[in-house]
Protein backbone atom coordinates (compact mmCIF):
# COMPACT_ATOMS: atom_id res chain seq x y z
CA MET A 1 40.35 38.93 73.71
CA LEU A 2 41.03 36.23 76.28
CA TYR A 3 44.15 34.07 76.10
CA GLY A 4 44.89 31.07 78.29
CA PRO A 5 46.34 27.54 78.22
CA ARG A 6 42.83 26.03 78.20
CA ALA A 7 40.79 28.68 76.44
CA LYS A 8 41.02 31.44 73.84
CA ARG A 9 38.02 33.63 73.14
CA TRP A 10 37.59 36.65 70.87
CA ALA A 11 34.65 39.05 70.89
CA MET A 12 34.57 42.42 69.13
CA THR A 13 30.98 43.20 68.17
CA GLU A 14 30.04 46.52 66.59
CA ARG A 15 26.63 47.79 67.73
CA GLY A 16 24.30 50.61 66.75
CA ALA A 17 23.63 53.82 68.64
CA ARG A 18 20.50 52.38 70.25
CA SER A 19 22.71 49.92 72.15
CA LEU A 20 24.77 52.70 73.74
CA SER A 21 24.19 54.43 77.07
CA ARG A 22 26.57 56.44 79.25
CA ASP A 23 26.87 59.05 81.96
CA ALA A 24 29.69 60.58 84.01
CA THR A 25 30.65 57.28 85.71
CA SER A 26 29.33 54.48 83.49
CA PHE A 27 29.30 53.27 79.90
CA ALA A 28 27.33 50.40 78.34
CA VAL A 29 27.24 48.87 74.87
CA GLY A 30 24.71 46.09 74.44
CA PRO A 31 24.98 43.54 77.26
CA SER A 32 28.48 44.67 78.34
CA ALA A 33 29.16 47.66 80.56
CA LEU A 34 31.68 49.39 82.77
CA HIS A 35 31.44 51.80 85.70
CA TRP A 36 33.62 53.50 88.29
CA ASP A 37 33.09 52.31 91.86
CA GLN A 38 35.07 54.19 94.56
CA GLY A 39 38.16 54.60 92.41
CA ARG A 40 37.95 51.16 90.81
CA LEU A 41 36.80 50.49 87.26
CA VAL A 42 34.48 47.48 87.07
CA ILE A 43 34.05 46.00 83.59
CA ARG A 44 31.24 43.52 83.06
CA ILE A 45 31.64 41.41 79.89
CA ASP A 46 28.77 39.45 78.36
CA GLU A 47 29.43 38.60 74.71
CA ILE A 48 29.37 35.79 72.17
CA GLY A 49 32.76 34.95 70.66
CA VAL A 50 33.67 34.46 67.01
CA PRO A 51 34.27 32.46 64.89
CA LEU A 52 33.13 29.82 67.41
CA PRO A 53 29.92 31.10 69.08
CA LEU A 54 31.10 30.51 72.65
CA ARG A 55 29.96 32.65 75.58
CA LEU A 56 32.45 35.14 77.02
CA ARG A 57 31.10 36.28 80.38
CA GLY A 58 32.77 37.65 83.48
CA GLU A 59 34.17 40.70 85.25
CA VAL A 60 37.42 42.66 85.20
CA ARG A 61 38.19 44.97 88.14
CA LEU A 62 40.90 47.53 87.53
CA THR A 63 42.35 49.72 90.30
CA PRO A 64 44.68 52.39 88.85
CA HIS A 65 48.00 53.12 90.54
CA VAL A 66 47.98 56.52 88.85
CA LEU A 67 45.52 58.51 86.70
CA PRO A 68 47.46 61.02 84.58
CA GLU A 69 45.18 63.69 83.16
CA PHE A 70 46.70 64.43 79.78
CA ALA A 71 46.38 63.32 76.17
CA ILE A 72 48.86 63.29 73.28
CA ASN A 73 48.12 64.41 69.71
CA LEU A 74 49.36 61.75 67.32
CA ASP A 75 49.34 63.95 64.21
CA GLY A 76 50.12 67.58 63.49
CA ALA A 77 46.53 68.32 62.45
CA GLU A 78 45.26 67.16 65.86
CA ARG A 79 42.75 64.76 64.34
CA HIS A 80 44.00 61.74 66.33
CA HIS A 81 44.60 61.50 70.06
CA TRP A 82 45.76 59.02 72.68
CA ARG A 83 45.40 59.07 76.44
CA PRO A 84 47.03 56.72 78.97
CA ILE A 85 44.07 56.57 81.36
CA ALA A 86 45.77 54.12 83.76
CA PRO A 87 49.31 53.22 82.62
CA SER A 88 49.71 50.95 85.64
CA ALA A 89 46.95 49.24 87.60
CA ALA A 90 46.10 46.25 89.77
CA VAL A 91 43.76 43.95 87.89
CA GLU A 92 41.51 41.15 89.08
CA VAL A 93 39.82 38.96 86.45
CA VAL A 94 36.90 36.72 87.39
CA MET A 95 35.44 34.88 84.39
CA GLU A 96 32.34 32.72 84.56
CA GLN A 97 32.50 31.43 81.00
CA PRO A 98 35.11 30.11 80.58
CA ALA A 99 35.80 29.52 84.29
CA LEU A 100 39.07 31.41 84.83
CA ARG A 101 40.38 33.87 87.40
CA TRP A 102 43.66 35.59 88.20
CA ARG A 103 45.27 38.77 89.55
CA GLY A 104 48.09 40.81 88.07
CA THR A 105 49.12 44.17 86.70
CA GLY A 106 47.29 45.85 83.86
CA TYR A 107 46.76 48.91 81.74
CA LEU A 108 43.98 51.08 80.32
CA ASP A 109 44.19 53.63 77.50
CA SER A 110 42.01 55.30 74.87
CA ASN A 111 42.34 56.35 71.23
CA TRP A 112 39.90 58.68 69.52
CA GLY A 113 39.82 60.91 66.48
CA ASP A 114 37.90 62.95 63.92
CA GLU A 115 38.60 60.64 60.97
CA PRO A 116 39.29 56.93 60.36
CA LEU A 117 42.78 55.81 61.41
CA GLU A 118 43.66 54.69 57.88
CA LYS A 119 43.24 58.27 56.63
CA GLY A 120 45.87 59.55 59.00
CA PHE A 121 48.40 56.73 59.24
CA ILE A 122 50.18 54.08 57.19
CA ALA A 123 51.26 51.92 60.13
CA TRP A 124 52.24 52.02 63.78
CA ASP A 125 53.53 49.87 66.61
CA TRP A 126 52.92 50.20 70.32
CA SER A 127 54.06 48.40 73.44
CA ARG A 128 53.49 48.53 77.18
CA ALA A 129 56.25 46.97 79.29
CA HIS A 130 56.34 46.32 83.02
CA GLY A 131 59.09 45.20 85.36
CA ASP A 132 60.55 45.94 88.77
CA GLY A 133 57.72 48.36 89.59
CA THR A 134 58.27 50.44 86.44
CA THR A 135 55.96 50.77 83.45
CA ALA A 136 57.16 51.96 80.02
CA ILE A 137 54.93 52.79 77.04
CA LEU A 138 56.36 53.17 73.54
CA TYR A 139 54.66 54.51 70.41
CA HIS A 140 56.05 54.74 66.88
CA GLY A 141 54.22 55.28 63.59
CA GLU A 142 54.25 56.55 60.03
CA LYS A 143 51.73 59.17 58.97
CA ARG A 144 50.13 59.53 55.54
CA ASP A 145 52.51 62.36 54.70
CA ARG A 146 55.37 59.87 55.27
CA ASP A 147 56.52 61.71 58.37
CA THR A 148 57.06 59.58 61.48
CA PHE A 149 55.98 60.15 65.05
CA GLY A 150 56.84 58.49 68.31
CA PHE A 151 57.34 58.92 72.03
CA ALA A 152 58.27 57.02 75.17
CA ILE A 153 56.82 57.57 78.63
CA ALA A 154 57.39 55.87 81.96
CA CYS A 155 55.60 55.49 85.28
CA ASP A 156 57.65 54.54 88.36
CA ALA A 157 56.62 52.59 91.46
CA ALA A 158 55.63 55.83 93.23
CA GLY A 159 53.20 56.74 90.43
CA ARG A 160 55.37 59.51 88.96
CA PHE A 161 54.72 59.80 85.24
CA HIS A 162 57.17 61.38 82.78
CA HIS A 163 58.49 61.38 79.24
CA ILE A 164 61.76 59.56 78.62
CA GLU A 165 64.22 59.54 75.74
CA ALA A 166 63.14 56.85 73.30
CA PRO A 167 65.68 54.00 73.03
CA GLN A 168 66.90 52.78 69.65
CA ARG A 169 64.62 50.96 67.23
CA VAL A 170 64.99 47.18 67.15
CA ALA A 171 63.65 44.97 64.34
CA LEU A 172 61.60 41.91 65.29
CA PRO A 173 60.67 38.88 63.14
CA ALA A 174 57.74 39.43 60.80
CA THR A 175 54.54 37.47 61.42
CA LEU A 176 53.23 34.62 59.28
CA TRP A 177 51.06 37.21 57.51
CA ARG A 178 54.27 39.20 56.90
CA ILE A 179 53.30 42.08 59.18
CA GLY A 180 56.50 43.91 60.03
CA ARG A 181 57.31 44.20 63.73
CA ALA A 182 59.72 46.52 65.52
CA THR A 183 60.14 48.00 68.98
CA ARG A 184 62.64 49.96 71.07
CA ALA A 185 65.14 48.55 73.54
CA ASP A 186 68.36 49.43 75.31
CA ASN A 187 70.34 47.54 72.63
CA PRO A 188 69.52 45.46 69.51
CA PHE A 189 69.88 42.15 71.36
CA ASP A 190 67.56 43.00 74.23
CA ALA A 191 64.16 42.31 72.64
CA ARG A 192 62.62 39.01 71.60
CA VAL A 193 59.12 37.75 70.84
CA LEU A 194 57.95 35.13 73.34
CA ARG A 195 54.53 34.43 71.82
CA THR A 196 52.27 35.77 69.09
CA TYR A 197 48.67 35.94 70.27
CA GLU A 198 47.08 37.48 67.17
CA ASP A 199 48.42 37.09 63.64
CA THR A 200 46.02 38.62 61.11
CA PRO A 201 46.41 40.22 57.66
CA PHE A 202 46.69 43.72 59.19
CA TYR A 203 47.33 43.35 62.93
CA ALA A 204 49.59 41.41 65.28
CA ARG A 205 49.61 41.20 69.08
CA SER A 206 52.67 39.67 70.74
CA LEU A 207 54.21 38.99 74.13
CA MET A 208 57.82 40.17 74.35
CA GLU A 209 60.77 40.16 76.67
CA THR A 210 62.84 43.34 76.51
CA GLN A 211 65.16 45.63 78.40
CA LEU A 212 64.23 49.26 78.98
CA LEU A 213 65.67 51.79 81.41
CA GLY A 214 68.21 49.17 82.42
CA ARG A 215 65.49 46.75 83.56
CA ARG A 216 64.32 43.43 82.19
CA MET A 217 60.64 43.76 81.32
CA ILE A 218 57.77 41.76 79.89
CA ALA A 219 55.82 43.69 77.26
CA MET A 220 52.61 43.44 75.29
CA HIS A 221 53.33 44.58 71.74
CA GLU A 222 51.03 45.52 68.85
CA SER A 223 51.74 46.12 65.17
CA LEU A 224 49.11 47.65 62.88
CA SER A 225 49.22 48.10 59.10
CA LEU A 226 46.54 50.58 58.04
CA ASP A 227 47.32 50.00 54.36
CA ARG A 228 46.48 46.33 54.86
CA PHE A 229 43.39 47.27 56.90
CA ALA A 230 42.07 49.48 54.09
CA ASN A 231 42.49 46.74 51.47
CA PRO A 232 39.02 45.88 50.03
CA LEU A 233 39.60 42.16 50.51
CA VAL A 234 40.44 42.65 54.19
CA GLN A 235 37.34 44.83 54.59
CA LEU A 236 35.22 41.97 53.22
CA MET A 237 36.76 39.63 55.80
CA LEU A 238 36.23 41.92 58.82
CA PRO A 239 32.59 40.99 59.59
CA PHE A 240 33.70 37.42 60.28
CA ARG A 241 35.82 38.68 63.23
CA MET A 242 33.90 41.89 64.00
CA PRO A 243 30.18 41.13 63.54
CA ARG A 244 27.77 44.07 63.40
CA ARG A 245 24.54 44.17 65.35
CA SER A 246 21.81 46.81 65.04
CA SER A 247 21.02 46.45 68.75
């Protein structure tokens, strides 16, 4: 997903096992690949966007400020896991198509599990906020047994990484597709949506301004409805945004 004032490109292609290769320091799927190079993750992107078949080609170079070596179980049965690989990082983006480049702060994480997400969860929201050298990551969700889960973690300017007490829940405006949005903030008036980047029947990605740990922060926020995702009509629509290739 690439967002900019002059260009917006989306590419999320599913590929077969024959398109996959990996070893201890590299991973490739089809024409796109990533590898570690002296402590820096280099991500080479070469894809065709949808629904407009426009080329998305370039490189992202991510240098972590910290690499915490732990993962969190998201459900009591330990079927779903999340790891903040690099909660705070310096990022350089050099795109060839479209011709864009910039530097800033970024983030890298990973989710994995032993069953589809919709079997374990009804919905969740997530956000990563950054400001004044501090990074905060918030998770909240509802499991299939109707129990909720959530946590808040922070990384300071020195790279120290720790759990923090989760602030109060704050409701946000629903999307045009009526996806509910909520987050956590120091008080109910300290969070607002600046821009909605993705507004789909089951998922929303938004840019927010918020206050956490007494600091004003800019946050990337995601809301996911797994009930909507599992709807047969939505499943029929998915190949138009997530095409599948055998190789």
